PDB file of N, CA and C in Angstrom:
ATOM      1  N   MET A   1     -37.167  63.553-206.561  1.00  0.00           N
ATOM      2  CA  MET A   1     -36.909  64.548-207.349  1.00  0.00           C
ATOM      3  C   MET A   1     -37.440  65.705-207.200  1.00  0.00           C
ATOM      4  N   CYS A   2     -36.723  66.875-207.268  1.00  0.00           N
ATOM      5  CA  CYS A   2     -37.469  68.065-206.988  1.00  0.00           C
ATOM      6  C   CYS A   2     -37.141  68.697-208.294  1.00  0.00           C
ATOM      7  N   LEU A   3     -38.196  70.213-208.270  1.00  0.00           N
ATOM      8  CA  LEU A   3     -38.061  70.654-209.869  1.00  0.00           C
ATOM      9  C   LEU A   3     -37.895  72.009-209.582  1.00  0.00           C
ATOM     10  N   ALA A   4     -36.991  72.815-209.753  1.00  0.00           N
ATOM     11  CA  ALA A   4     -36.436  74.194-209.595  1.00  0.00           C
ATOM     12  C   ALA A   4     -36.606  75.112-211.232  1.00  0.00           C
ATOM     13  N   VAL A   5     -37.526  75.961-211.036  1.00  0.00           N
ATOM     14  CA  VAL A   5     -38.131  76.377-212.240  1.00  0.00           C
ATOM     15  C   VAL A   5     -37.500  77.921-212.411  1.00  0.00           C
ATOM     16  N   PRO A   6     -37.233  78.109-213.642  1.00  0.00           N
ATOM     17  CA  PRO A   6     -36.726  79.361-213.794  1.00  0.00           C
ATOM     18  C   PRO A   6     -37.913  80.643-214.025  1.00  0.00           C
ATOM     19  N   GLY A   7     -37.850  81.774-213.772  1.00  0.00           N
ATOM     20  CA  GLY A   7     -38.619  83.054-213.669  1.00  0.00           C
ATOM     21  C   GLY A   7     -38.256  84.105-213.684  1.00  0.00           C
ATOM     22  N   ARG A   8     -39.024  85.254-214.071  1.00  0.00           N
ATOM     23  CA  ARG A   8     -38.089  86.428-214.618  1.00  0.00           C
ATOM     24  C   ARG A   8     -38.638  87.558-213.278  1.00  0.00           C
ATOM     25  N   VAL A   9     -37.978  88.093-212.654  1.00  0.00           N
ATOM     26  CA  VAL A   9     -38.297  89.225-211.661  1.00  0.00           C
ATOM     27  C   VAL A   9     -38.551  90.129-212.083  1.00  0.00           C
ATOM     28  N   LEU A  10     -40.256  90.208-212.434  1.00  0.00           N
ATOM     29  CA  LEU A  10     -41.035  91.773-213.075  1.00  0.00           C
ATOM     30  C   LEU A  10     -40.935  93.183-211.473  1.00  0.00           C
ATOM     31  N   ASN A  11     -41.370  92.523-210.310  1.00  0.00           N
ATOM     32  CA  ASN A  11     -41.095  93.867-208.912  1.00  0.00           C
ATOM     33  C   ASN A  11     -40.613  93.171-207.852  1.00  0.00           C
ATOM     34  N   ILE A  12     -40.256  94.331-207.332  1.00  0.00           N
ATOM     35  CA  ILE A  12     -39.654  93.723-205.916  1.00  0.00           C
ATOM     36  C   ILE A  12     -40.418  94.730-204.588  1.00  0.00           C
ATOM     37  N   GLU A  13     -40.955  93.530-203.465  1.00  0.00           N
ATOM     38  CA  GLU A  13     -41.158  94.517-202.059  1.00  0.00           C
ATOM     39  C   GLU A  13     -40.488  94.194-200.900  1.00  0.00           C
ATOM     40  N   GLU A  14     -39.648  95.542-200.994  1.00  0.00           N
ATOM     41  CA  GLU A  14     -38.292  95.768-199.763  1.00  0.00           C
ATOM     42  C   GLU A  14     -39.059  95.423-198.657  1.00  0.00           C
ATOM     43  N   ASP A  15     -39.484  93.934-198.189  1.00  0.00           N
ATOM     44  CA  ASP A  15     -40.106  93.567-196.824  1.00  0.00           C
ATOM     45  C   ASP A  15     -39.370  92.828-196.130  1.00  0.00           C
ATOM     46  N   GLN A  16     -39.427  92.101-195.163  1.00  0.00           N
ATOM     47  CA  GLN A  16     -38.626  91.227-194.291  1.00  0.00           C
ATOM     48  C   GLN A  16     -38.308  90.024-195.243  1.00  0.00           C
ATOM     49  N   LEU A  17     -38.883  89.122-195.896  1.00  0.00           N
ATOM     50  CA  LEU A  17     -38.909  88.547-196.818  1.00  0.00           C
ATOM     51  C   LEU A  17     -38.351  88.894-197.874  1.00  0.00           C
ATOM     52  N   ARG A  18     -38.396  90.071-198.740  1.00  0.00           N
ATOM     53  CA  ARG A  18     -37.925  90.792-199.745  1.00  0.00           C
ATOM     54  C   ARG A  18     -38.639  89.930-201.088  1.00  0.00           C
ATOM     55  N   MET A  19     -40.190  90.124-200.886  1.00  0.00           N
ATOM     56  CA  MET A  19     -40.756  89.429-201.586  1.00  0.00           C
ATOM     57  C   MET A  19     -40.751  90.034-203.293  1.00  0.00           C
ATOM     58  N   ALA A  20     -40.984  88.897-204.373  1.00  0.00           N
ATOM     59  CA  ALA A  20     -40.625  89.686-205.897  1.00  0.00           C
ATOM     60  C   ALA A  20     -42.155  89.345-206.235  1.00  0.00           C
ATOM     61  N   THR A  21     -42.713  90.000-207.439  1.00  0.00           N
ATOM     62  CA  THR A  21     -43.629  89.310-208.441  1.00  0.00           C
ATOM     63  C   THR A  21     -42.477  88.827-209.583  1.00  0.00           C
ATOM     64  N   VAL A  22     -42.491  87.478-209.768  1.00  0.00           N
ATOM     65  CA  VAL A  22     -41.954  86.295-210.760  1.00  0.00           C
ATOM     66  C   VAL A  22     -42.932  85.577-211.883  1.00  0.00           C
ATOM     67  N   SER A  23     -42.379  86.065-213.138  1.00  0.00           N
ATOM     68  CA  SER A  23     -43.342  85.569-214.546  1.00  0.00           C
ATOM     69  C   SER A  23     -42.413  84.290-214.853  1.00  0.00           C
ATOM     70  N   PHE A  24     -43.553  83.195-214.873  1.00  0.00           N
ATOM     71  CA  PHE A  24     -43.182  82.115-215.568  1.00  0.00           C
ATOM     72  C   PHE A  24     -43.877  81.997-216.457  1.00  0.00           C
ATOM     73  N   GLY A  25     -43.316  82.383-217.659  1.00  0.00           N
ATOM     74  CA  GLY A  25     -43.661  82.439-219.070  1.00  0.00           C
ATOM     75  C   GLY A  25     -45.233  83.241-219.110  1.00  0.00           C
ATOM     76  N   GLY A  26     -45.260  84.033-218.199  1.00  0.00           N
ATOM     77  CA  GLY A  26     -46.716  85.039-217.811  1.00  0.00           C
ATOM     78  C   GLY A  26     -47.173  84.455-216.812  1.00  0.00           C
ATOM     79  N   VAL A  27     -47.060  83.469-216.364  1.00  0.00           N
ATOM     80  CA  VAL A  27     -47.822  83.073-214.892  1.00  0.00           C
ATOM     81  C   VAL A  27     -47.040  83.582-214.010  1.00  0.00           C
ATOM     82  N   THR A  28     -47.840  84.533-213.060  1.00  0.00           N
ATOM     83  CA  THR A  28     -47.313  85.285-212.283  1.00  0.00           C
ATOM     84  C   THR A  28     -47.136  84.754-210.758  1.00  0.00           C
ATOM     85  N   LYS A  29     -46.355  85.044-209.802  1.00  0.00           N
ATOM     86  CA  LYS A  29     -46.135  84.117-208.287  1.00  0.00           C
ATOM     87  C   LYS A  29     -45.581  84.973-207.727  1.00  0.00           C
ATOM     88  N   SER A  30     -45.828  85.239-206.275  1.00  0.00           N
ATOM     89  CA  SER A  30     -45.234  85.674-204.955  1.00  0.00           C
ATOM     90  C   SER A  30     -43.719  84.610-204.773  1.00  0.00           C
ATOM     91  N   VAL A  31     -42.673  85.398-204.874  1.00  0.00           N
ATOM     92  CA  VAL A  31     -41.424  84.674-204.413  1.00  0.00           C
ATOM     93  C   VAL A  31     -40.882  85.377-203.261  1.00  0.00           C
ATOM     94  N   SER A  32     -39.972  84.687-202.411  1.00  0.00           N
ATOM     95  CA  SER A  32     -39.182  85.631-201.925  1.00  0.00           C
ATOM     96  C   SER A  32     -37.703  85.496-202.281  1.00  0.00           C
ATOM     97  N   LEU A  33     -37.015  86.610-202.285  1.00  0.00           N
ATOM     98  CA  LEU A  33     -35.996  86.846-202.777  1.00  0.00           C
ATOM     99  C   LEU A  33     -34.729  86.756-201.690  1.00  0.00           C
ATOM    100  N   ALA A  34     -34.954  86.563-200.254  1.00  0.00           N
ATOM    101  CA  ALA A  34     -34.286  86.452-199.254  1.00  0.00           C
ATOM    102  C   ALA A  34     -33.183  86.028-199.337  1.00  0.00           C
ATOM    103  N   LEU A  35     -32.961  84.518-199.963  1.00  0.00           N
ATOM    104  CA  LEU A  35     -31.668  83.988-200.394  1.00  0.00           C
ATOM    105  C   LEU A  35     -30.997  84.303-201.411  1.00  0.00           C
ATOM    106  N   VAL A  36     -31.482  85.061-202.075  1.00  0.00           N
ATOM    107  CA  VAL A  36     -30.659  85.842-203.617  1.00  0.00           C
ATOM    108  C   VAL A  36     -31.079  86.980-203.292  1.00  0.00           C
ATOM    109  N   PRO A  37     -30.170  87.648-202.530  1.00  0.00           N
ATOM    110  CA  PRO A  37     -30.261  89.364-202.008  1.00  0.00           C
ATOM    111  C   PRO A  37     -29.464  90.051-203.507  1.00  0.00           C
ATOM    112  N   GLU A  38     -29.139  89.628-204.056  1.00  0.00           N
ATOM    113  CA  GLU A  38     -28.201  90.490-205.195  1.00  0.00           C
ATOM    114  C   GLU A  38     -29.173  90.279-206.267  1.00  0.00           C
ATOM    115  N   ALA A  39     -30.397  89.474-206.340  1.00  0.00           N
ATOM    116  CA  ALA A  39     -31.226  89.427-207.897  1.00  0.00           C
ATOM    117  C   ALA A  39     -31.974  90.836-207.949  1.00  0.00           C
ATOM    118  N   GLY A  40     -31.936  91.395-208.455  1.00  0.00           N
ATOM    119  CA  GLY A  40     -33.138  92.513-209.201  1.00  0.00           C
ATOM    120  C   GLY A  40     -33.928  92.672-209.975  1.00  0.00           C
ATOM    121  N   ILE A  41     -34.591  93.812-210.373  1.00  0.00           N
ATOM    122  CA  ILE A  41     -36.026  93.589-211.525  1.00  0.00           C
ATOM    123  C   ILE A  41     -35.318  93.099-213.094  1.00  0.00           C
ATOM    124  N   GLY A  42     -35.905  92.433-213.101  1.00  0.00           N
ATOM    125  CA  GLY A  42     -35.768  92.020-215.004  1.00  0.00           C
ATOM    126  C   GLY A  42     -34.497  91.004-214.904  1.00  0.00           C
ATOM    127  N   ASP A  43     -33.985  90.180-213.736  1.00  0.00           N
ATOM    128  CA  ASP A  43     -33.150  88.833-213.466  1.00  0.00           C
ATOM    129  C   ASP A  43     -34.159  88.078-213.667  1.00  0.00           C
ATOM    130  N   TYR A  44     -33.406  86.865-214.173  1.00  0.00           N
ATOM    131  CA  TYR A  44     -33.864  85.142-213.988  1.00  0.00           C
ATOM    132  C   TYR A  44     -33.502  84.782-212.689  1.00  0.00           C
ATOM    133  N   VAL A  45     -34.254  84.221-212.123  1.00  0.00           N
ATOM    134  CA  VAL A  45     -33.929  83.602-210.923  1.00  0.00           C
ATOM    135  C   VAL A  45     -34.327  82.000-211.067  1.00  0.00           C
ATOM    136  N   ILE A  46     -33.951  81.204-210.076  1.00  0.00           N
ATOM    137  CA  ILE A  46     -34.490  79.475-210.049  1.00  0.00           C
ATOM    138  C   ILE A  46     -34.974  79.675-208.773  1.00  0.00           C
ATOM    139  N   VAL A  47     -36.441  79.357-208.825  1.00  0.00           N
ATOM    140  CA  VAL A  47     -37.203  78.997-207.817  1.00  0.00           C
ATOM    141  C   VAL A  47     -37.824  77.986-207.336  1.00  0.00           C
ATOM    142  N   HIS A  48     -37.482  77.430-206.291  1.00  0.00           N
ATOM    143  CA  HIS A  48     -38.076  76.031-205.285  1.00  0.00           C
ATOM    144  C   HIS A  48     -38.980  76.754-204.633  1.00  0.00           C
ATOM    145  N   VAL A  49     -40.142  75.885-204.531  1.00  0.00           N
ATOM    146  CA  VAL A  49     -41.456  76.104-202.949  1.00  0.00           C
ATOM    147  C   VAL A  49     -41.106  77.405-202.774  1.00  0.00           C
ATOM    148  N   GLY A  50     -41.598  78.547-203.593  1.00  0.00           N
ATOM    149  CA  GLY A  50     -41.318  79.734-203.123  1.00  0.00           C
ATOM    150  C   GLY A  50     -40.458  80.582-203.191  1.00  0.00           C
ATOM    151  N   PHE A  51     -39.160  80.222-203.202  1.00  0.00           N
ATOM    152  CA  PHE A  51     -37.706  80.946-202.910  1.00  0.00           C
ATOM    153  C   PHE A  51     -37.162  80.800-203.782  1.00  0.00           C
ATOM    154  N   ALA A  52     -36.604  81.879-204.293  1.00  0.00           N
ATOM    155  CA  ALA A  52     -35.654  82.266-205.402  1.00  0.00           C
ATOM    156  C   ALA A  52     -33.911  81.518-204.950  1.00  0.00           C
ATOM    157  N   ILE A  53     -33.702  80.667-205.208  1.00  0.00           N
ATOM    158  CA  ILE A  53     -32.429  79.986-204.599  1.00  0.00           C
ATOM    159  C   ILE A  53     -31.099  80.291-205.494  1.00  0.00           C
ATOM    160  N   SER A  54     -31.268  80.771-206.814  1.00  0.00           N
ATOM    161  CA  SER A  54     -29.903  81.285-207.616  1.00  0.00           C
ATOM    162  C   SER A  54     -30.296  82.456-208.521  1.00  0.00           C
ATOM    163  N   LYS A  55     -29.788  83.055-208.940  1.00  0.00           N
ATOM    164  CA  LYS A  55     -30.052  84.341-210.238  1.00  0.00           C
ATOM    165  C   LYS A  55     -29.399  82.675-211.153  1.00  0.00           C
ATOM    166  N   LEU A  56     -29.876  83.684-212.839  1.00  0.00           N
ATOM    167  CA  LEU A  56     -29.391  82.669-213.818  1.00  0.00           C
ATOM    168  C   LEU A  56     -29.495  83.541-215.067  1.00  0.00           C
ATOM    169  N   ASP A  57     -28.213  83.262-215.800  1.00  0.00           N
ATOM    170  CA  ASP A  57     -28.575  84.301-216.574  1.00  0.00           C
ATOM    171  C   ASP A  57     -29.338  84.038-218.159  1.00  0.00           C
ATOM    172  N   GLU A  58     -29.478  84.933-218.857  1.00  0.00           N
ATOM    173  CA  GLU A  58     -30.516  84.710-219.875  1.00  0.00           C
ATOM    174  C   GLU A  58     -30.080  83.009-220.851  1.00  0.00           C
ATOM    175  N   GLU A  59     -28.901  83.339-221.247  1.00  0.00           N
ATOM    176  CA  GLU A  59     -28.587  82.208-222.129  1.00  0.00           C
ATOM    177  C   GLU A  59     -29.053  80.878-221.464  1.00  0.00           C
ATOM    178  N   ALA A  60     -28.485  80.606-219.814  1.00  0.00           N
ATOM    179  CA  ALA A  60     -29.402  79.166-219.150  1.00  0.00           C
ATOM    180  C   ALA A  60     -30.382  79.264-219.268  1.00  0.00           C
ATOM    181  N   THR A  61     -31.036  80.047-218.811  1.00  0.00           N
ATOM    182  CA  THR A  61     -32.494  80.375-218.860  1.00  0.00           C
ATOM    183  C   THR A  61     -33.000  79.899-220.105  1.00  0.00           C
ATOM    184  N   ARG A  62     -32.584  80.270-221.060  1.00  0.00           N
ATOM    185  CA  ARG A  62     -33.092  79.964-222.655  1.00  0.00           C
ATOM    186  C   ARG A  62     -32.942  78.456-222.855  1.00  0.00           C
ATOM    187  N   ARG A  63     -31.750  77.622-222.239  1.00  0.00           N
ATOM    188  CA  ARG A  63     -31.380  76.521-222.610  1.00  0.00           C
ATOM    189  C   ARG A  63     -32.410  75.639-221.985  1.00  0.00           C
ATOM    190  N   THR A  64     -32.599  76.324-220.219  1.00  0.00           N
ATOM    191  CA  THR A  64     -33.222  75.506-219.497  1.00  0.00           C
ATOM    192  C   THR A  64     -34.864  74.898-219.974  1.00  0.00           C
ATOM    193  N   LEU A  65     -35.496  76.404-220.319  1.00  0.00           N
ATOM    194  CA  LEU A  65     -36.563  76.193-220.461  1.00  0.00           C
ATOM    195  C   LEU A  65     -36.598  75.558-222.163  1.00  0.00           C
ATOM    196  N   GLU A  66     -35.961  75.518-223.094  1.00  0.00           N
ATOM    197  CA  GLU A  66     -35.881  74.763-224.092  1.00  0.00           C
ATOM    198  C   GLU A  66     -35.901  73.098-223.819  1.00  0.00           C
ATOM    199  N   THR A  67     -35.123  72.675-222.615  1.00  0.00           N
ATOM    200  CA  THR A  67     -35.088  71.598-222.359  1.00  0.00           C
ATOM    201  C   THR A  67     -36.470  71.052-222.038  1.00  0.00           C
ATOM    202  N   TYR A  68     -37.159  71.819-220.970  1.00  0.00           N
ATOM    203  CA  TYR A  68     -38.472  71.467-220.483  1.00  0.00           C
ATOM    204  C   TYR A  68     -39.552  71.375-221.501  1.00  0.00           C
ATOM    205  N   ALA A  69     -39.543  71.927-222.500  1.00  0.00           N
ATOM    206  CA  ALA A  69     -40.268  72.070-223.754  1.00  0.00           C
ATOM    207  C   ALA A  69     -40.090  70.986-224.612  1.00  0.00           C
ATOM    208  N   ASP A  70     -38.754  70.449-224.748  1.00  0.00           N
ATOM    209  CA  ASP A  70     -38.333  69.089-225.227  1.00  0.00           C
ATOM    210  C   ASP A  70     -39.085  67.839-225.031  1.00  0.00           C
ATOM    211  N   MET A  71     -38.578  68.369-223.390  1.00  0.00           N
ATOM    212  CA  MET A  71     -39.259  66.938-222.303  1.00  0.00           C
ATOM    213  C   MET A  71     -40.832  67.065-222.495  1.00  0.00           C
ATOM    214  N   ALA A  72     -41.126  68.407-222.345  1.00  0.00           N
ATOM    215  CA  ALA A  72     -43.288  67.835-222.157  1.00  0.00           C
ATOM    216  C   ALA A  72     -43.615  67.341-223.923  1.00  0.00           C
ATOM    217  N   ALA A  73     -42.515  67.722-225.229  1.00  0.00           N
ATOM    218  CA  ALA A  73     -43.120  67.278-226.546  1.00  0.00           C
ATOM    219  C   ALA A  73     -42.782  66.064-226.311  1.00  0.00           C
ATOM    220  N   SER A  74     -42.138  65.317-226.095  1.00  0.00           N
ATOM    221  CA  SER A  74     -41.500  64.226-225.811  1.00  0.00           C
ATOM    222  C   SER A  74     -42.429  62.827-226.161  1.00  0.00           C
ATOM    223  N   GLY A  75     -43.541  63.593-225.256  1.00  0.00           N
ATOM    224  CA  GLY A  75     -44.462  62.200-225.059  1.00  0.00           C
ATOM    225  C   GLY A  75     -43.805  60.688-223.841  1.00  0.00           C
ATOM    226  N   LEU A  76     -42.526  61.099-223.499  1.00  0.00           N
ATOM    227  CA  LEU A  76     -42.293  60.171-222.956  1.00  0.00           C
ATOM    228  C   LEU A  76     -43.058  59.999-221.251  1.00  0.00           C
ATOM    229  N   PRO A  77     -42.617  59.111-220.535  1.00  0.00           N
ATOM    230  CA  PRO A  77     -43.140  59.307-219.307  1.00  0.00           C
ATOM    231  C   PRO A  77     -42.060  60.050-218.216  1.00  0.00           C
ATOM    232  N   ASP A  78     -42.527  60.602-217.262  1.00  0.00           N
ATOM    233  CA  ASP A  78     -41.518  61.691-216.383  1.00  0.00           C
ATOM    234  C   ASP A  78     -40.259  60.546-216.193  1.00  0.00           C
ATOM    235  N   GLY A  79     -39.096  61.121-216.439  1.00  0.00           N
ATOM    236  CA  GLY A  79     -37.663  60.543-215.973  1.00  0.00           C
ATOM    237  C   GLY A  79     -37.239  59.472-217.305  1.00  0.00           C
ATOM    238  N   ALA A  80     -38.225  59.141-218.154  1.00  0.00           N
ATOM    239  CA  ALA A  80     -37.295  58.259-219.531  1.00  0.00           C
ATOM    240  C   ALA A  80     -36.767  59.443-219.948  1.00  0.00           C
ATOM    241  N   TYR A  81     -37.331  60.819-220.459  1.00  0.00           N
ATOM    242  CA  TYR A  81     -36.737  61.404-221.223  1.00  0.00           C
ATOM    243  C   TYR A  81     -35.377  61.955-220.771  1.00  0.00           C
ATOM    244  N   MET A  82     -34.616  61.812-219.732  1.00  0.00           N
ATOM    245  CA  MET A  82     -33.319  62.196-219.333  1.00  0.00           C
ATOM    246  C   MET A  82     -32.670  60.881-219.652  1.00  0.00           C
ATOM    247  N   VAL A  83     -33.423  59.601-219.545  1.00  0.00           N
ATOM    248  CA  VAL A  83     -32.486  58.125-219.931  1.00  0.00           C
ATOM    249  C   VAL A  83     -32.373  58.079-221.405  1.00  0.00           C
ATOM    250  N   LYS A  84     -33.163  59.064-222.382  1.00  0.00           N
ATOM    251  CA  LYS A  84     -32.940  58.513-223.623  1.00  0.00           C
ATOM    252  C   LYS A  84     -32.117  59.718-224.298  1.00  0.00           C
ATOM    253  N   ARG A  85     -32.464  60.924-223.694  1.00  0.00           N
ATOM    254  CA  ARG A  85     -31.464  62.022-223.872  1.00  0.00           C
ATOM    255  C   ARG A  85     -30.017  61.416-223.541  1.00  0.00           C
ATOM    256  N   ARG A  86     -29.355  60.569-222.600  1.00  0.00           N
ATOM    257  CA  ARG A  86     -28.071  60.294-222.194  1.00  0.00           C
ATOM    258  C   ARG A  86     -27.267  58.725-223.710  1.00  0.00           C
ATOM    259  N   ARG A  87     -28.242  58.345-224.091  1.00  0.00           N
ATOM    260  CA  ARG A  87     -27.994  57.348-224.802  1.00  0.00           C
ATOM    261  C   ARG A  87     -26.999  57.993-226.237  1.00  0.00           C
TER     262      ARG A  87
END
């Protein structure tokens, strides 16, 4: 299973790969926006292995981060959280 993480675009370098600095809760990483040319500064993007793969609105970002926090706080082993939540 792969995990794509939402982050906020802080700045953009208009080079061949359209690189951006993206913040993940205060941790910043260099990310390519080549696959999401419409992304701009302040937008939320879903990032997988160093590439933004889609834009995400603020509400969807909030829900996603709340789910991640709930999963971390659950104390359940990986994968068990989603099984518990479906019941």
